[in-house]
Protein backbone atom coordinates (compact mmCIF):
# COMPACT_ATOMS: atom_id res chain seq x y z
CA UNK A 1 -0.13 0.09 0.01
CA UNK A 2 1.22 3.62 -0.80
CA UNK A 3 1.87 5.79 1.95
CA UNK A 4 -1.27 7.89 2.70
CA UNK A 5 -2.29 10.92 4.69
CA UNK A 6 -5.19 9.65 7.38
CA UNK A 7 -7.23 12.08 9.34
CA UNK A 8 -9.07 10.06 11.93
CA UNK A 9 -12.05 12.08 13.13
CA UNK A 10 -13.86 11.07 16.48
CA UNK A 11 -14.15 7.61 17.84
CA UNK A 12 -12.85 6.11 21.19
CA UNK A 13 -9.94 4.13 22.24
CA UNK A 14 -9.70 2.01 19.05
CA UNK A 15 -9.24 4.75 16.82
CA UNK A 16 -6.20 5.66 19.15
CA UNK A 17 -4.73 2.34 18.32
CA UNK A 18 -5.89 2.25 14.95
CA UNK A 19 -3.53 5.65 14.46
CA UNK A 20 -0.67 4.01 15.80
CA UNK A 21 -0.77 0.92 13.63
CA UNK A 22 -1.29 3.27 10.50
CA UNK A 23 1.89 5.41 11.55
CA UNK A 24 3.92 2.25 12.10
CA UNK A 25 3.26 1.52 8.26
CA UNK A 26 4.73 4.83 7.36
CA UNK A 27 1.31 6.73 7.14
CA UNK A 28 0.86 10.34 8.03
CA UNK A 29 -1.80 10.20 10.69
CA UNK A 30 -3.62 13.25 12.15
CA UNK A 31 -6.53 13.09 14.57
CA UNK A 32 -9.54 15.52 15.24
CA UNK A 33 -11.70 14.96 18.24
CA UNK A 34 -9.84 12.11 19.46
CA UNK A 35 -8.11 14.07 22.26
CA UNK A 36 -9.50 17.04 24.17
CA UNK A 37 -7.12 19.29 22.58
CA UNK A 38 -7.15 18.57 19.17
CA UNK A 39 -10.65 19.74 18.16
CA UNK A 40 -10.72 23.26 17.17
CA UNK A 41 -12.94 23.42 14.10
CA UNK A 42 -10.31 25.57 11.99
CA UNK A 43 -7.78 23.19 12.63
CA UNK A 44 -10.17 20.52 10.99
CA UNK A 45 -10.22 22.68 7.95
CA UNK A 46 -6.90 22.75 7.71
CA UNK A 47 -6.33 19.05 7.92
CA UNK A 48 -8.44 17.93 5.11
CA UNK A 49 -6.56 18.34 1.79
CA UNK A 50 -7.47 16.86 -1.38
CA UNK A 51 -5.15 13.91 -0.19
CA UNK A 52 -6.69 12.97 2.74
CA UNK A 53 -8.02 9.85 3.55
CA UNK A 54 -11.13 10.09 6.10
CA UNK A 55 -11.63 7.48 8.93
CA UNK A 56 -14.72 7.63 10.70
CA UNK A 57 -15.53 5.94 13.81
CA UNK A 58 -17.67 3.01 14.76
CA UNK A 59 -20.55 3.81 14.54
CA UNK A 60 -19.87 6.83 12.38
CA UNK A 61 -22.84 8.58 14.37
CA UNK A 62 -24.97 7.77 17.16
CA UNK A 63 -27.83 10.24 16.25
CA UNK A 64 -27.66 10.88 12.61
CA UNK A 65 -26.53 14.37 13.13
CA UNK A 66 -23.10 14.74 14.69
CA UNK A 67 -20.03 12.35 14.35
CA UNK A 68 -19.37 10.16 17.11
CA UNK A 69 -16.76 11.81 19.23
CA UNK A 70 -17.11 10.80 22.92
CA UNK A 71 -13.68 12.07 23.97
CA UNK A 72 -14.47 15.76 22.72
CA UNK A 73 -16.27 18.62 24.32
CA UNK A 74 -17.62 19.82 21.04
CA UNK A 75 -19.89 18.35 18.45
CA UNK A 76 -18.96 18.05 14.54
CA UNK A 77 -22.21 17.92 12.25
CA UNK A 78 -22.19 15.44 9.71
CA UNK A 79 -23.41 18.28 7.32
CA UNK A 80 -20.34 20.33 8.29
CA UNK A 81 -17.93 17.40 7.59
CA UNK A 82 -19.86 17.28 4.13
CA UNK A 83 -18.58 20.84 3.35
CA UNK A 84 -15.05 20.18 4.06
CA UNK A 85 -14.63 16.95 1.67
CA UNK A 86 -15.06 16.31 -1.82
CA UNK A 87 -14.97 13.53 -4.69
CA UNK A 88 -11.04 13.44 -4.30
CA UNK A 89 -11.12 12.29 -0.77
CA UNK A 90 -11.81 8.64 0.41
CA UNK A 91 -14.17 8.37 3.61
CA UNK A 92 -13.94 4.88 5.81
CA UNK A 93 -16.16 4.60 8.64
CA UNK A 94 -18.41 1.94 10.43
CA UNK A 95 -22.22 1.54 10.03
CA UNK A 96 -22.86 4.54 7.89
CA UNK A 97 -26.64 5.51 7.83
CA UNK A 98 -28.64 5.48 4.92
CA UNK A 99 -29.09 9.34 5.09
CA UNK A 100 -25.12 10.05 5.28
CA UNK A 101 -24.48 7.50 2.29
CA UNK A 102 -26.49 9.03 0.06
CA UNK A 103 -25.25 12.59 0.76
CA UNK A 104 -21.73 11.01 -0.03
CA UNK A 105 -22.86 9.66 -3.00
CA UNK A 106 -24.56 12.68 -4.13
CA UNK A 107 -21.26 14.35 -3.78
CA UNK A 108 -19.43 11.49 -5.58
CA UNK A 109 -17.19 10.97 -2.40
CA UNK A 110 -16.03 7.52 -2.45
CA UNK A 111 -16.81 5.62 0.84
CA UNK A 112 -15.86 2.30 2.62
CA UNK A 113 -18.06 0.47 5.48
CA UNK A 114 -15.19 -1.52 7.19
CA UNK A 115 -18.15 -2.72 9.37
CA UNK A 116 -18.54 -5.97 7.00
CA UNK A 117 -19.58 -9.63 7.81
CA UNK A 118 -15.84 -10.23 7.81
CA UNK A 119 -15.18 -7.36 10.64
CA UNK A 120 -18.54 -8.41 12.25
CA UNK A 121 -17.30 -11.99 12.80
CA UNK A 122 -14.05 -10.68 14.34
CA UNK A 123 -15.31 -7.94 16.21
CA UNK A 124 -17.92 -10.39 17.83
CA UNK A 125 -14.87 -12.49 19.13
CA UNK A 126 -13.60 -9.28 20.61
CA UNK A 127 -17.06 -8.95 22.11
CA UNK A 128 -16.88 -12.53 23.79
CA UNK A 129 -13.98 -11.74 25.66
CA UNK A 130 -15.12 -8.37 26.91
CA UNK A 131 -18.11 -10.10 28.36
CA UNK A 132 -15.88 -12.64 29.88
CA UNK A 133 -14.00 -9.65 31.59
CA UNK A 134 -17.34 -8.25 32.89
CA UNK A 135 -18.47 -11.88 34.09
CA UNK A 136 -15.34 -11.97 36.03
CA UNK A 137 -15.98 -8.46 37.57
CA UNK A 138 -19.40 -9.67 39.00
CA UNK A 139 -18.76 -13.23 40.17
CA UNK A 140 -17.39 -14.43 43.29
CA UNK A 141 -17.11 -17.86 42.18
CA UNK A 142 -14.82 -19.87 39.69
CA UNK A 143 -16.07 -19.02 36.25
CA UNK A 144 -16.04 -22.54 35.44
CA UNK A 145 -18.59 -23.47 38.20
CA UNK A 146 -21.11 -21.26 37.00
CA UNK A 147 -24.27 -21.71 35.23
CA UNK A 148 -24.65 -19.36 32.04
CA UNK A 149 -27.84 -18.89 29.99
CA UNK A 150 -27.35 -16.86 26.35
CA UNK A 151 -30.11 -15.71 24.61
CA UNK A 152 -29.88 -15.34 20.95
CA UNK A 153 -27.19 -17.07 18.88
CA UNK A 154 -26.06 -14.65 16.06
CA UNK A 155 -22.14 -14.09 15.80
CA UNK A 156 -21.91 -12.63 19.44
CA UNK A 157 -23.88 -15.44 21.00
CA UNK A 158 -22.05 -18.03 19.30
CA UNK A 159 -18.54 -16.63 20.11
CA UNK A 160 -19.60 -16.06 23.64
CA UNK A 161 -20.95 -19.81 23.98
CA UNK A 162 -17.93 -20.94 22.71
CA UNK A 163 -15.67 -18.83 24.90
CA UNK A 164 -17.27 -20.21 27.72
CA UNK A 165 -17.33 -23.53 26.66
CA UNK A 166 -13.61 -23.48 26.43
CA UNK A 167 -13.57 -22.63 30.10
CA UNK A 168 -15.47 -25.98 31.11
CA UNK A 169 -18.70 -23.67 31.76
CA UNK A 170 -22.52 -24.82 31.66
CA UNK A 171 -23.80 -22.98 28.99
CA UNK A 172 -27.45 -22.92 27.87
CA UNK A 173 -28.41 -21.28 24.58
CA UNK A 174 -31.97 -20.27 23.88
CA UNK A 175 -33.04 -19.47 20.56
CA UNK A 176 -35.88 -19.73 18.19
CA UNK A 177 -34.25 -21.19 15.08
CA UNK A 178 -33.90 -25.09 14.86
CA UNK A 179 -30.70 -24.69 12.87
CA UNK A 180 -29.27 -22.10 15.72
CA UNK A 181 -30.14 -24.72 18.58
CA UNK A 182 -28.58 -27.70 16.56
CA UNK A 183 -25.29 -25.74 15.92
CA UNK A 184 -25.08 -24.66 19.67
CA UNK A 185 -25.79 -28.29 20.87
CA UNK A 186 -22.84 -29.77 18.48
CA UNK A 187 -20.76 -27.35 19.95
CA UNK A 188 -21.15 -28.90 23.28
CA UNK A 189 -24.04 -26.18 24.97
CA UNK A 190 -27.36 -27.08 26.24
CA UNK A 191 -30.02 -25.85 23.75
CA UNK A 192 -33.40 -24.57 24.54
CA UNK A 193 -36.36 -22.93 22.51
CA UNK A 194 -36.39 -19.25 23.55
CA UNK A 195 -39.83 -19.79 24.69
CA UNK A 196 -38.79 -22.00 27.79
CA UNK A 197 -36.70 -19.09 29.33
CA UNK A 198 -39.32 -18.39 31.53
CA UNK A 199 -39.54 -22.01 33.31
CA UNK A 200 -35.53 -22.49 33.49
CA UNK A 201 -34.77 -18.66 34.39
CA UNK A 202 -34.03 -19.52 38.03
CA UNK A 203 -31.15 -21.92 37.17
CA UNK A 204 -28.67 -19.31 36.06
CA UNK A 205 -25.98 -17.32 37.53
CA UNK A 206 -25.60 -15.07 34.69
CA UNK A 207 -27.96 -14.24 31.68
CA UNK A 208 -26.25 -12.68 28.86
CA UNK A 209 -28.69 -11.09 26.29
CA UNK A 210 -27.78 -10.79 22.38
CA UNK A 211 -31.35 -10.10 21.28
CA UNK A 212 -32.54 -6.41 20.30
CA UNK A 213 -35.90 -6.55 21.19
CA UNK A 214 -37.76 -7.29 24.48
CA UNK A 215 -37.61 -11.01 25.38
CA UNK A 216 -37.14 -10.95 28.77
CA UNK A 217 -40.37 -9.81 30.51
CA UNK A 218 -42.22 -9.90 33.90
CA UNK A 219 -42.60 -13.68 33.41
CA UNK A 220 -39.00 -14.35 33.19
CA UNK A 221 -37.74 -11.68 35.77
CA UNK A 222 -39.96 -13.03 38.51
CA UNK A 223 -38.25 -16.12 38.16
CA UNK A 224 -34.66 -14.80 38.25
CA UNK A 225 -32.82 -15.49 41.17
CA UNK A 226 -31.99 -12.16 43.19
CA UNK A 227 -28.37 -13.14 43.18
CA UNK A 228 -28.27 -13.63 39.10
CA UNK A 229 -26.96 -10.61 36.84
CA UNK A 230 -28.50 -9.97 33.24
CA UNK A 231 -25.34 -8.69 31.07
CA UNK A 232 -27.14 -6.76 28.50
CA UNK A 233 -25.30 -6.89 25.15
CA UNK A 234 -27.72 -5.96 22.43
CA UNK A 235 -28.55 -2.72 21.00
CA UNK A 236 -31.74 -0.53 21.72
CA UNK A 237 -34.58 -1.36 22.08
CA UNK A 238 -32.69 -4.44 24.53
CA UNK A 239 -33.61 -7.32 25.64
CA UNK A 240 -34.68 -6.44 28.73
CA UNK A 241 -36.41 -2.93 30.51
CA UNK A 242 -33.88 -1.62 33.31
CA UNK A 243 -36.85 -0.25 34.81
CA UNK A 244 -38.67 -3.47 34.68
CA UNK A 245 -35.91 -5.44 36.00
CA UNK A 246 -35.46 -3.21 38.85
CA UNK A 247 -38.90 -3.58 39.76
CA UNK A 248 -38.23 -7.44 40.32
CA UNK A 249 -34.94 -6.38 41.79
CA UNK A 250 -32.87 -8.06 39.07
CA UNK A 251 -29.46 -6.19 38.36
CA UNK A 252 -28.69 -5.46 34.45
CA UNK A 253 -25.23 -4.34 33.34
CA UNK A 254 -25.70 -2.62 30.17
CA UNK A 255 -22.57 -3.47 28.13
CA UNK A 256 -22.24 -1.92 24.53
CA UNK A 257 -19.08 -1.70 22.81
CA UNK A 258 -17.21 -3.89 24.65
CA UNK A 259 -14.27 -4.29 21.82
CA UNK A 260 -13.78 -0.45 22.57
CA UNK A 261 -13.26 -0.76 26.32
CA UNK A 262 -11.72 -3.98 27.28
CA UNK A 263 -9.95 -5.07 23.76
CA UNK A 264 -9.26 -1.49 22.08
CA UNK A 265 -5.73 -2.46 20.84
CA UNK A 266 -6.66 -5.31 18.81
CA UNK A 267 -10.24 -3.60 17.64
CA UNK A 268 -8.09 -0.94 16.45
CA UNK A 269 -5.60 -2.63 14.74
CA UNK A 270 -8.60 -4.82 13.15
CA UNK A 271 -9.92 -1.69 11.67
CA UNK A 272 -6.50 -0.65 10.54
CA UNK A 273 -5.95 -4.02 8.74
CA UNK A 274 -9.30 -3.92 7.00
CA UNK A 275 -8.55 -0.46 5.64
CA UNK A 276 -5.16 -1.38 4.52
CA UNK A 277 -6.50 -4.47 2.61
CA UNK A 278 -9.28 -2.32 0.90
CA UNK A 279 -6.22 -0.30 -0.67
CA UNK A 280 -4.00 -3.53 -1.57
CA UNK A 281 -7.15 -4.39 -3.34
CA UNK A 282 -7.77 -1.40 -5.35
CA UNK A 283 -4.02 -1.06 -6.32
CA UNK A 284 -4.51 -4.59 -7.54
CA UNK A 285 -7.24 -3.68 -9.96
CA UNK A 286 -5.49 -0.51 -11.22
C-alpha cells in the first residue's frame, strides 16, 4: 500500500490504536476530536486536503446528526464534515447511515464501510472476551462452576458460548431457530427454545442477552434469582427493560461497545488491517 495521509475524526480508544497502527506502516496520521486538545474546528479545516483519507468511527454517528466523538467537548455536524470533503477524498467508517451514505453519493465521494461481515465476525470474538471480563468482575466463584444462559445465537452469542465452553462452563443457549439450537448443541452447549426461558430462568447465575428486542419480560424476571445478573449486549431497544428489571430486583449490566473498552488495541488494529486491505485490493485492480 502506498503511504497515505489519514485524518482520523472522532471515535474512542480503538481509533487511538488505529492511528498508531497506521503510523507504523509509514503513513501520515492526524486526529480530530479524539483528544481534548485537538478539536478546534479551524484546525480540522486545515487538516483536510484533497489527498486526505478520512477515517470515521464505529458507529459513524449515534444520533444521525453528529460524528461520534465521546472524548471531545465539541460536536461535529455531519453536514459540516460534508462541506469540508470532496470527491478527491476517500472516507472510511463503520455503520454509515442511509442518509449520510446518500449525501456522500450525491457529492461523488468514495466511501467504504469497514463494518462488513468479516469485520463483524472478528469483532464478535472481541465482544466475547469483553463479556468474559464483565463476568469475572461480577462473580465471586470460579467461572467454570457457573451456570450461564445466552439468549440469541448470532455471531456474538455463538462466540460467547464457545469461549465459555472452552473454560468448561455450563452454557445453555436459548434461540428460536432449529438450526441455531442444533449448532449450539453440536458445539457442546445445552440448547432450549427461547419460549422456555421463563420456566428455567431460576437455574442461572448469569444471563447474557444478545437479542435487540424485548424478550425478557415480567414472566421471566419474576423467576430470576436475586443473585443472578443480566448482561445486556444487544443494542436498543434491548432485550430487557432496566426499569422493569428493577421492579423485580434483577440487576442489569448494560455492556455496549465492549471491543472499544476491553480490547481496544486489537479492535483498532483490526480496523487498520481492514483499511490497508481495501487499499491493497484497489491497487491490484489498477
